Amino acid sequence: MSHSHAPHDAGAANGVSQPIPVVAKRARIADDASRTARSSSPLTLAPPIDNDGLSWPSVGTRTRLTQSPQEAKAREERIAEAVKTILVELGEDPSREGLLETPDRYAKAMLYFTKGYEENIKDVIKKAVFEEDHDEMVIVRDIEIYSLCEHHLVPFFGKCHIGYIPNKRVLGLSKLARLAEMYSRRFQVQERLTKQIAMALADVLKPRGVAVVIEASHMCMVSRGVQKSGSCTTTSCMLGCFRDKQKTREEFLTLLGRK
């Protein structure tokens, strides 16, 4: 019977360490980086704010923004017709009294639920950035958010908590809630929503650090699938000193009552 043998490593046998090949060294560095780096969503790889003030717009956002009233009406009618098709395929009669105006209502509702794509962050923030010599933590808790899960097009909703440590500049408190509203009125996943709020605030203020925590209930878990009505999903995004300094992070979570 024949046996295969690994090539003999004379240096290893003599107890002398051999140089690591360049390819292996690069692979090891890449592996180490992958363990420590925060993964990026394709929708947050671009800068938070475009030159025209839009923030991570969808592919059709600018078309919606520039459409005429007639084009907007035609878009709404196309959505309503698509809803009629869905109702028919589900075995329903879209002409019966209870469903007669449902397609039109649904079209208007979906355009409202996704209006966050069209909001200009410059209009959201306006002139609410102020020079202020304040270097302690600022937190706005329990901001209500309502969004649509992009996987099932059903709602998820909950509370958003935003904190930051200023670097000579502060933001009007109501604008933190406006930022959360802007990014939640889109097709979303909670993880990306959390990150987008944090990254946008960091871009606008250039603070020492930003922390965002979202706690939400997802109807795709509550009303279908596993049907766990008591479940709550918590996500966080820590940037700057909140990410680098454990004590700063712990102070934020303590003030939220999470420790």
C-alpha atoms as a PDB file:
ATOM      1  CA  MET A   1       0.000   0.000   0.000  1.00  0.00           C
ATOM      2  CA  SER A   2       1.365   3.364  -0.951  1.00  0.00           C
ATOM      3  CA  HIS A   3       1.306   6.361   1.404  1.00  0.00           C
ATOM      4  CA  SER A   4       1.409  10.063   0.561  1.00  0.00           C
ATOM      5  CA  HIS A   5       3.711  12.287   2.575  1.00  0.00           C
ATOM      6  CA  ALA A   6       3.790  16.065   3.042  1.00  0.00           C
ATOM      7  CA  PRO A   7       6.978  17.711   1.762  1.00  0.00           C
ATOM      8  CA  HIS A   8       9.697  17.712   4.396  1.00  0.00           C
ATOM      9  CA  ASP A   9      10.243  21.155   6.000  1.00  0.00           C
ATOM     10  CA  ALA A  10      13.864  21.143   7.077  1.00  0.00           C
ATOM     11  CA  GLY A  11      13.625  24.522   8.748  1.00  0.00           C
ATOM     12  CA  ALA A  12      10.615  23.505  10.839  1.00  0.00           C
ATOM     13  CA  ALA A  13      12.304  20.255  11.786  1.00  0.00           C
ATOM     14  CA  ASN A  14      15.327  22.158  13.053  1.00  0.00           C
ATOM     15  CA  GLY A  15      13.114  24.474  15.094  1.00  0.00           C
ATOM     16  CA  VAL A  16      13.798  27.458  12.850  1.00  0.00           C
ATOM     17  CA  SER A  17      10.726  29.490  11.917  1.00  0.00           C
ATOM     18  CA  GLN A  18      10.339  30.098   8.203  1.00  0.00           C
ATOM     19  CA  PRO A  19       9.185  33.394   6.627  1.00  0.00           C
ATOM     20  CA  ILE A  20       5.444  33.504   5.922  1.00  0.00           C
ATOM     21  CA  PRO A  21       4.791  33.722   2.166  1.00  0.00           C
ATOM     22  CA  VAL A  22       3.404  37.112   1.050  1.00  0.00           C
ATOM     23  CA  VAL A  23       0.106  35.619  -0.132  1.00  0.00           C
ATOM     24  CA  ALA A  24      -0.438  33.858   3.182  1.00  0.00           C
ATOM     25  CA  LYS A  25       0.433  37.034   5.098  1.00  0.00           C
ATOM     26  CA  ARG A  26      -2.105  39.078   3.105  1.00  0.00           C
ATOM     27  CA  ALA A  27      -4.744  36.413   3.666  1.00  0.00           C
ATOM     28  CA  ARG A  28      -4.079  36.488   7.412  1.00  0.00           C
ATOM     29  CA  ILE A  29      -4.331  40.310   7.502  1.00  0.00           C
ATOM     30  CA  ALA A  30      -7.609  40.205   5.555  1.00  0.00           C
ATOM     31  CA  ASP A  31      -8.968  37.563   7.921  1.00  0.00           C
ATOM     32  CA  ASP A  32      -8.028  39.645  10.973  1.00  0.00           C
ATOM     33  CA  ALA A  33      -9.638  42.732   9.431  1.00  0.00           C
ATOM     34  CA  SER A  34     -12.848  40.865   8.685  1.00  0.00           C
ATOM     35  CA  ARG A  35     -13.160  39.939  12.338  1.00  0.00           C
ATOM     36  CA  THR A  36     -12.872  43.529  13.571  1.00  0.00           C
ATOM     37  CA  ALA A  37     -14.445  45.630  10.792  1.00  0.00           C
ATOM     38  CA  ARG A  38     -18.098  46.654  10.870  1.00  0.00           C
ATOM     39  CA  SER A  39     -19.845  45.117   7.889  1.00  0.00           C
ATOM     40  CA  SER A  40     -21.293  47.599   5.408  1.00  0.00           C
ATOM     41  CA  SER A  41     -24.650  47.532   3.700  1.00  0.00           C
ATOM     42  CA  PRO A  42     -24.599  48.345  -0.024  1.00  0.00           C
ATOM     43  CA  LEU A  43     -27.043  51.147   0.807  1.00  0.00           C
ATOM     44  CA  THR A  44     -24.649  52.813   3.260  1.00  0.00           C
ATOM     45  CA  LEU A  45     -21.412  52.564   1.264  1.00  0.00           C
ATOM     46  CA  ALA A  46     -22.163  55.868  -0.448  1.00  0.00           C
ATOM     47  CA  PRO A  47     -21.771  59.171   1.475  1.00  0.00           C
ATOM     48  CA  PRO A  48     -24.776  59.972   3.690  1.00  0.00           C
ATOM     49  CA  ILE A  49     -25.651  63.186   1.837  1.00  0.00           C
ATOM     50  CA  ASP A  50     -25.539  63.741  -1.929  1.00  0.00           C
ATOM     51  CA  ASN A  51     -24.700  67.116  -3.491  1.00  0.00           C
ATOM     52  CA  ASP A  52     -28.405  67.865  -3.939  1.00  0.00           C
ATOM     53  CA  GLY A  53     -29.194  67.091  -0.291  1.00  0.00           C
ATOM     54  CA  LEU A  54     -30.808  63.694  -0.812  1.00  0.00           C
ATOM     55  CA  SER A  55     -29.674  60.924   1.502  1.00  0.00           C
ATOM     56  CA  TRP A  56     -29.349  57.392   0.127  1.00  0.00           C
ATOM     57  CA  PRO A  57     -32.176  57.896  -2.407  1.00  0.00           C
ATOM     58  CA  SER A  58     -33.760  54.969  -4.210  1.00  0.00           C
ATOM     59  CA  VAL A  59     -33.196  54.569  -7.954  1.00  0.00           C
ATOM     60  CA  GLY A  60     -36.486  56.310  -8.768  1.00  0.00           C
ATOM     61  CA  THR A  61     -36.391  59.050  -6.123  1.00  0.00           C
ATOM     62  CA  ARG A  62     -35.353  61.885  -8.426  1.00  0.00           C
ATOM     63  CA  THR A  63     -37.981  60.861 -10.984  1.00  0.00           C
ATOM     64  CA  ARG A  64     -40.656  61.104  -8.304  1.00  0.00           C
ATOM     65  CA  LEU A  65     -39.329  64.485  -7.200  1.00  0.00           C
ATOM     66  CA  THR A  66     -39.344  66.008 -10.684  1.00  0.00           C
ATOM     67  CA  GLN A  67     -42.598  64.518 -12.005  1.00  0.00           C
ATOM     68  CA  SER A  68     -45.465  66.760 -13.068  1.00  0.00           C
ATOM     69  CA  PRO A  69     -48.874  66.577 -11.337  1.00  0.00           C
ATOM     70  CA  GLN A  70     -50.137  64.570 -14.307  1.00  0.00           C
ATOM     71  CA  GLU A  71     -47.244  62.112 -14.033  1.00  0.00           C
ATOM     72  CA  ALA A  72     -47.822  61.787 -10.274  1.00  0.00           C
ATOM     73  CA  LYS A  73     -51.485  60.982 -10.882  1.00  0.00           C
ATOM     74  CA  ALA A  74     -50.560  58.401 -13.526  1.00  0.00           C
ATOM     75  CA  ARG A  75     -48.112  56.769 -11.102  1.00  0.00           C
ATOM     76  CA  GLU A  76     -50.805  56.539  -8.431  1.00  0.00           C
ATOM     77  CA  GLU A  77     -53.221  54.982 -10.926  1.00  0.00           C
ATOM     78  CA  ARG A  78     -50.643  52.362 -11.968  1.00  0.00           C
ATOM     79  CA  ILE A  79     -50.127  51.362  -8.347  1.00  0.00           C
ATOM     80  CA  ALA A  80     -53.904  51.098  -7.848  1.00  0.00           C
ATOM     81  CA  GLU A  81     -54.241  48.889 -10.936  1.00  0.00           C
ATOM     82  CA  ALA A  82     -51.487  46.613  -9.599  1.00  0.00           C
ATOM     83  CA  VAL A  83     -53.364  46.312  -6.301  1.00  0.00           C
ATOM     84  CA  LYS A  84     -56.536  45.314  -8.182  1.00  0.00           C
ATOM     85  CA  THR A  85     -54.558  42.530  -9.842  1.00  0.00           C
ATOM     86  CA  ILE A  86     -53.354  41.302  -6.453  1.00  0.00           C
ATOM     87  CA  LEU A  87     -56.906  41.279  -5.090  1.00  0.00           C
ATOM     88  CA  VAL A  88     -58.149  39.290  -8.081  1.00  0.00           C
ATOM     89  CA  GLU A  89     -55.316  36.763  -7.764  1.00  0.00           C
ATOM     90  CA  LEU A  90     -56.178  36.337  -4.072  1.00  0.00           C
ATOM     91  CA  GLY A  91     -59.692  35.353  -5.109  1.00  0.00           C
ATOM     92  CA  GLU A  92     -61.378  38.620  -4.188  1.00  0.00           C
ATOM     93  CA  ASP A  93     -63.723  40.899  -6.096  1.00  0.00           C
ATOM     94  CA  PRO A  94     -62.223  44.417  -6.230  1.00  0.00           C
ATOM     95  CA  SER A  95     -65.560  45.788  -7.455  1.00  0.00           C
ATOM     96  CA  ARG A  96     -67.480  44.879  -4.290  1.00  0.00           C
ATOM     97  CA  GLU A  97     -68.404  47.727  -1.948  1.00  0.00           C
ATOM     98  CA  GLY A  98     -65.782  47.079   0.740  1.00  0.00           C
ATOM     99  CA  LEU A  99     -62.910  46.910  -1.745  1.00  0.00           C
ATOM    100  CA  LEU A 100     -64.089  49.373  -4.361  1.00  0.00           C
ATOM    101  CA  GLU A 101     -61.799  52.216  -3.268  1.00  0.00           C
ATOM    102  CA  THR A 102     -59.150  50.090  -1.566  1.00  0.00           C
ATOM    103  CA  PRO A 103     -56.656  50.149  -4.478  1.00  0.00           C
ATOM    104  CA  ASP A 104     -56.716  53.964  -4.566  1.00  0.00           C
ATOM    105  CA  ARG A 105     -56.360  54.208  -0.798  1.00  0.00           C
ATOM    106  CA  TYR A 106     -53.491  51.735  -0.819  1.00  0.00           C
ATOM    107  CA  ALA A 107     -51.672  53.616  -3.576  1.00  0.00           C
ATOM    108  CA  LYS A 108     -51.849  56.867  -1.600  1.00  0.00           C
ATOM    109  CA  ALA A 109     -50.766  55.084   1.583  1.00  0.00           C
ATOM    110  CA  MET A 110     -47.711  53.472  -0.034  1.00  0.00           C
ATOM    111  CA  LEU A 111     -46.580  56.786  -1.484  1.00  0.00           C
ATOM    112  CA  TYR A 112     -46.826  58.277   2.018  1.00  0.00           C
ATOM    113  CA  PHE A 113     -45.058  55.331   3.674  1.00  0.00           C
ATOM    114  CA  THR A 114     -42.104  55.831   1.306  1.00  0.00           C
ATOM    115  CA  LYS A 115     -41.955  59.639   1.326  1.00  0.00           C
ATOM    116  CA  GLY A 116     -38.693  59.577   3.282  1.00  0.00           C
ATOM    117  CA  TYR A 117     -36.741  58.873   0.093  1.00  0.00           C
ATOM    118  CA  GLU A 118     -37.780  62.259  -1.288  1.00  0.00           C
ATOM    119  CA  GLU A 119     -37.000  64.357   1.774  1.00  0.00           C
ATOM    120  CA  ASN A 120     -33.992  66.609   1.477  1.00  0.00           C
ATOM    121  CA  ILE A 121     -31.793  66.466   4.559  1.00  0.00           C
ATOM    122  CA  LYS A 122     -31.009  70.171   4.169  1.00  0.00           C
ATOM    123  CA  ASP A 123     -34.730  70.893   4.523  1.00  0.00           C
ATOM    124  CA  VAL A 124     -34.995  68.529   7.485  1.00  0.00           C
ATOM    125  CA  ILE A 125     -32.100  70.143   9.352  1.00  0.00           C
ATOM    126  CA  LYS A 126     -32.719  73.695   8.007  1.00  0.00           C
ATOM    127  CA  LYS A 127     -30.887  76.208  10.232  1.00  0.00           C
ATOM    128  CA  ALA A 128     -30.996  74.134  13.409  1.00  0.00           C
ATOM    129  CA  VAL A 129     -27.237  73.568  13.821  1.00  0.00           C
ATOM    130  CA  PHE A 130     -25.915  75.894  16.511  1.00  0.00           C
ATOM    131  CA  GLU A 131     -22.453  76.751  17.790  1.00  0.00           C
ATOM    132  CA  GLU A 132     -22.441  75.797  21.472  1.00  0.00           C
ATOM    133  CA  ASP A 133     -19.622  75.075  23.907  1.00  0.00           C
ATOM    134  CA  HIS A 134     -21.238  71.916  25.285  1.00  0.00           C
ATOM    135  CA  ASP A 135     -19.247  68.698  25.535  1.00  0.00           C
ATOM    136  CA  GLU A 136     -21.545  66.417  27.531  1.00  0.00           C
ATOM    137  CA  MET A 137     -23.899  63.758  26.253  1.00  0.00           C
ATOM    138  CA  VAL A 138     -27.169  64.756  24.589  1.00  0.00           C
ATOM    139  CA  ILE A 139     -29.890  62.076  24.420  1.00  0.00           C
ATOM    140  CA  VAL A 140     -33.401  62.077  22.981  1.00  0.00           C
ATOM    141  CA  ARG A 141     -35.278  58.937  24.005  1.00  0.00           C
ATOM    142  CA  ASP A 142     -38.442  57.162  22.929  1.00  0.00           C
ATOM    143  CA  ILE A 143     -38.830  58.636  19.440  1.00  0.00           C
ATOM    144  CA  GLU A 144     -41.697  56.724  17.845  1.00  0.00           C
ATOM    145  CA  ILE A 145     -40.870  55.213  14.464  1.00  0.00           C
ATOM    146  CA  TYR A 146     -43.028  53.442  11.880  1.00  0.00           C
ATOM    147  CA  SER A 147     -41.466  51.727   8.890  1.00  0.00           C
ATOM    148  CA  LEU A 148     -42.025  48.975   6.321  1.00  0.00           C
ATOM    149  CA  CYS A 149     -40.039  45.747   6.283  1.00  0.00           C
ATOM    150  CA  GLU A 150     -38.628  45.497   2.762  1.00  0.00           C
ATOM    151  CA  HIS A 151     -38.773  41.694   2.841  1.00  0.00           C
ATOM    152  CA  HIS A 152     -42.539  41.366   3.356  1.00  0.00           C
ATOM    153  CA  LEU A 153     -43.845  44.950   2.935  1.00  0.00           C
ATOM    154  CA  VAL A 154     -45.486  44.823   6.362  1.00  0.00           C
ATOM    155  CA  PRO A 155     -44.924  47.343   9.177  1.00  0.00           C
ATOM    156  CA  PHE A 156     -42.424  47.370  11.970  1.00  0.00           C
ATOM    157  CA  PHE A 157     -42.626  50.007  14.659  1.00  0.00           C
ATOM    158  CA  GLY A 158     -41.098  50.944  17.963  1.00  0.00           C
ATOM    159  CA  LYS A 159     -38.846  53.426  19.745  1.00  0.00           C
ATOM    160  CA  CYS A 160     -35.618  55.076  18.670  1.00  0.00           C
ATOM    161  CA  HIS A 161     -33.079  56.511  21.128  1.00  0.00           C
ATOM    162  CA  ILE A 162     -30.411  58.901  19.818  1.00  0.00           C
ATOM    163  CA  GLY A 163     -27.400  60.220  21.691  1.00  0.00           C
ATOM    164  CA  TYR A 164     -24.338  62.217  20.721  1.00  0.00           C
ATOM    165  CA  ILE A 165     -21.465  64.123  22.305  1.00  0.00           C
ATOM    166  CA  PRO A 166     -21.056  67.538  20.625  1.00  0.00           C
ATOM    167  CA  ASN A 167     -17.879  68.954  19.227  1.00  0.00           C
ATOM    168  CA  LYS A 168     -18.693  72.678  19.503  1.00  0.00           C
ATOM    169  CA  ARG A 169     -21.974  72.226  17.598  1.00  0.00           C
ATOM    170  CA  VAL A 170     -25.430  71.030  18.652  1.00  0.00           C
ATOM    171  CA  LEU A 171     -28.593  70.186  16.709  1.00  0.00           C
ATOM    172  CA  GLY A 172     -32.102  71.340  17.548  1.00  0.00           C
ATOM    173  CA  LEU A 173     -33.683  68.479  19.495  1.00  0.00           C
ATOM    174  CA  SER A 174     -36.728  68.119  17.254  1.00  0.00           C
ATOM    175  CA  LYS A 175     -34.418  67.530  14.280  1.00  0.00           C
ATOM    176  CA  LEU A 176     -33.236  64.248  15.802  1.00  0.00           C
ATOM    177  CA  ALA A 177     -36.831  63.027  15.647  1.00  0.00           C
ATOM    178  CA  ARG A 178     -37.123  64.365  12.084  1.00  0.00           C
ATOM    179  CA  LEU A 179     -34.036  62.384  11.045  1.00  0.00           C
ATOM    180  CA  ALA A 180     -35.528  59.203  12.501  1.00  0.00           C
ATOM    181  CA  GLU A 181     -38.805  59.875  10.670  1.00  0.00           C
ATOM    182  CA  MET A 182     -37.032  60.573   7.378  1.00  0.00           C
ATOM    183  CA  TYR A 183     -35.181  57.261   7.318  1.00  0.00           C
ATOM    184  CA  SER A 184     -38.044  55.175   8.699  1.00  0.00           C
ATOM    185  CA  ARG A 185     -40.450  56.257   5.928  1.00  0.00           C
ATOM    186  CA  ARG A 186     -38.804  53.915   3.442  1.00  0.00           C
ATOM    187  CA  PHE A 187     -38.557  50.217   2.723  1.00  0.00           C
ATOM    188  CA  GLN A 188     -36.151  49.244   5.457  1.00  0.00           C
ATOM    189  CA  VAL A 189     -34.472  46.669   7.597  1.00  0.00           C
ATOM    190  CA  GLN A 190     -34.007  47.725  11.203  1.00  0.00           C
ATOM    191  CA  GLU A 191     -30.247  47.238  11.134  1.00  0.00           C
ATOM    192  CA  ARG A 192     -29.810  49.633   8.204  1.00  0.00           C
ATOM    193  CA  LEU A 193     -32.270  52.155   9.626  1.00  0.00           C
ATOM    194  CA  THR A 194     -30.228  52.317  12.830  1.00  0.00           C
ATOM    195  CA  LYS A 195     -26.984  52.818  10.916  1.00  0.00           C
ATOM    196  CA  GLN A 196     -28.385  55.446   8.551  1.00  0.00           C
ATOM    197  CA  ILE A 197     -29.624  57.654  11.390  1.00  0.00           C
ATOM    198  CA  ALA A 198     -26.254  57.440  13.138  1.00  0.00           C
ATOM    199  CA  MET A 199     -24.176  58.056  10.009  1.00  0.00           C
ATOM    200  CA  ALA A 200     -26.293  61.020   8.885  1.00  0.00           C
ATOM    201  CA  LEU A 201     -26.076  62.697  12.292  1.00  0.00           C
ATOM    202  CA  ALA A 202     -22.320  62.153  12.339  1.00  0.00           C
ATOM    203  CA  ASP A 203     -22.042  63.715   8.873  1.00  0.00           C
ATOM    204  CA  VAL A 204     -24.170  66.755   9.741  1.00  0.00           C
ATOM    205  CA  LEU A 205     -22.635  67.600  13.128  1.00  0.00           C
ATOM    206  CA  LYS A 206     -19.147  66.045  13.082  1.00  0.00           C
ATOM    207  CA  PRO A 207     -19.573  65.265  16.802  1.00  0.00           C
ATOM    208  CA  ARG A 208     -17.190  63.356  19.042  1.00  0.00           C
ATOM    209  CA  GLY A 209     -19.519  60.367  18.879  1.00  0.00           C
ATOM    210  CA  VAL A 210     -23.020  59.153  17.996  1.00  0.00           C
ATOM    211  CA  ALA A 211     -25.100  56.344  19.464  1.00  0.00           C
ATOM    212  CA  VAL A 212     -28.441  55.066  18.160  1.00  0.00           C
ATOM    213  CA  VAL A 213     -30.555  52.256  19.623  1.00  0.00           C
ATOM    214  CA  ILE A 214     -33.835  51.060  18.109  1.00  0.00           C
ATOM    215  CA  GLU A 215     -36.301  48.678  19.753  1.00  0.00           C
ATOM    216  CA  ALA A 216     -39.068  47.506  17.432  1.00  0.00           C
ATOM    217  CA  SER A 217     -41.794  44.954  16.916  1.00  0.00           C
ATOM    218  CA  HIS A 218     -41.976  43.398  13.448  1.00  0.00           C
ATOM    219  CA  MET A 219     -45.341  42.346  12.056  1.00  0.00           C
ATOM    220  CA  CYS A 220     -43.584  39.824   9.807  1.00  0.00           C
ATOM    221  CA  MET A 221     -42.725  37.962  13.042  1.00  0.00           C
ATOM    222  CA  VAL A 222     -45.903  38.761  14.960  1.00  0.00           C
ATOM    223  CA  SER A 223     -48.629  38.092  12.382  1.00  0.00           C
ATOM    224  CA  ARG A 224     -46.961  35.462  10.179  1.00  0.00           C
ATOM    225  CA  GLY A 225     -44.093  32.990  10.246  1.00  0.00           C
ATOM    226  CA  VAL A 226     -43.138  32.176  13.837  1.00  0.00           C
ATOM    227  CA  GLN A 227     -45.982  34.398  15.184  1.00  0.00           C
ATOM    228  CA  LYS A 228     -44.197  35.472  18.358  1.00  0.00           C
ATOM    229  CA  SER A 229     -46.315  38.392  19.551  1.00  0.00           C
ATOM    230  CA  GLY A 230     -44.077  39.329  22.477  1.00  0.00           C
ATOM    231  CA  SER A 231     -40.828  39.569  20.557  1.00  0.00           C
ATOM    232  CA  CYS A 232     -38.835  42.797  20.361  1.00  0.00           C
ATOM    233  CA  THR A 233     -35.791  43.391  18.173  1.00  0.00           C
ATOM    234  CA  THR A 234     -33.034  45.700  19.446  1.00  0.00           C
ATOM    235  CA  THR A 235     -30.321  47.124  17.202  1.00  0.00           C
ATOM    236  CA  SER A 236     -27.570  49.632  17.881  1.00  0.00           C
ATOM    237  CA  CYS A 237     -24.983  51.664  16.018  1.00  0.00           C
ATOM    238  CA  MET A 238     -22.103  53.260  17.918  1.00  0.00           C
ATOM    239  CA  LEU A 239     -19.728  55.697  16.219  1.00  0.00           C
ATOM    240  CA  GLY A 240     -16.738  57.686  17.429  1.00  0.00           C
ATOM    241  CA  CYS A 241     -16.146  57.744  21.177  1.00  0.00           C
ATOM    242  CA  PHE A 242     -19.230  55.586  21.815  1.00  0.00           C
ATOM    243  CA  ARG A 243     -17.590  52.825  19.805  1.00  0.00           C
ATOM    244  CA  ASP A 244     -14.039  53.381  21.026  1.00  0.00           C
ATOM    245  CA  LYS A 245     -14.634  53.980  24.737  1.00  0.00           C
ATOM    246  CA  GLN A 246     -16.450  51.398  26.815  1.00  0.00           C
ATOM    247  CA  LYS A 247     -17.211  53.848  29.647  1.00  0.00           C
ATOM    248  CA  THR A 248     -18.887  56.293  27.270  1.00  0.00           C
ATOM    249  CA  ARG A 249     -20.958  53.489  25.769  1.00  0.00           C
ATOM    250  CA  GLU A 250     -21.908  52.212  29.219  1.00  0.00           C
ATOM    251  CA  GLU A 251     -22.969  55.687  30.353  1.00  0.00           C
ATOM    252  CA  PHE A 252     -25.281  55.979  27.351  1.00  0.00           C
ATOM    253  CA  LEU A 253     -26.848  52.571  27.948  1.00  0.00           C
ATOM    254  CA  THR A 254     -27.213  53.316  31.666  1.00  0.00           C
ATOM    255  CA  LEU A 255     -29.051  56.557  30.915  1.00  0.00           C
ATOM    256  CA  LEU A 256     -31.360  54.547  28.661  1.00  0.00           C
ATOM    257  CA  GLY A 257     -31.969  52.155  31.531  1.00  0.00           C
ATOM    258  CA  ARG A 258     -30.436  49.267  29.591  1.00  0.00           C
ATOM    259  CA  LYS A 259     -27.808  48.258  32.192  1.00  0.00           C
END
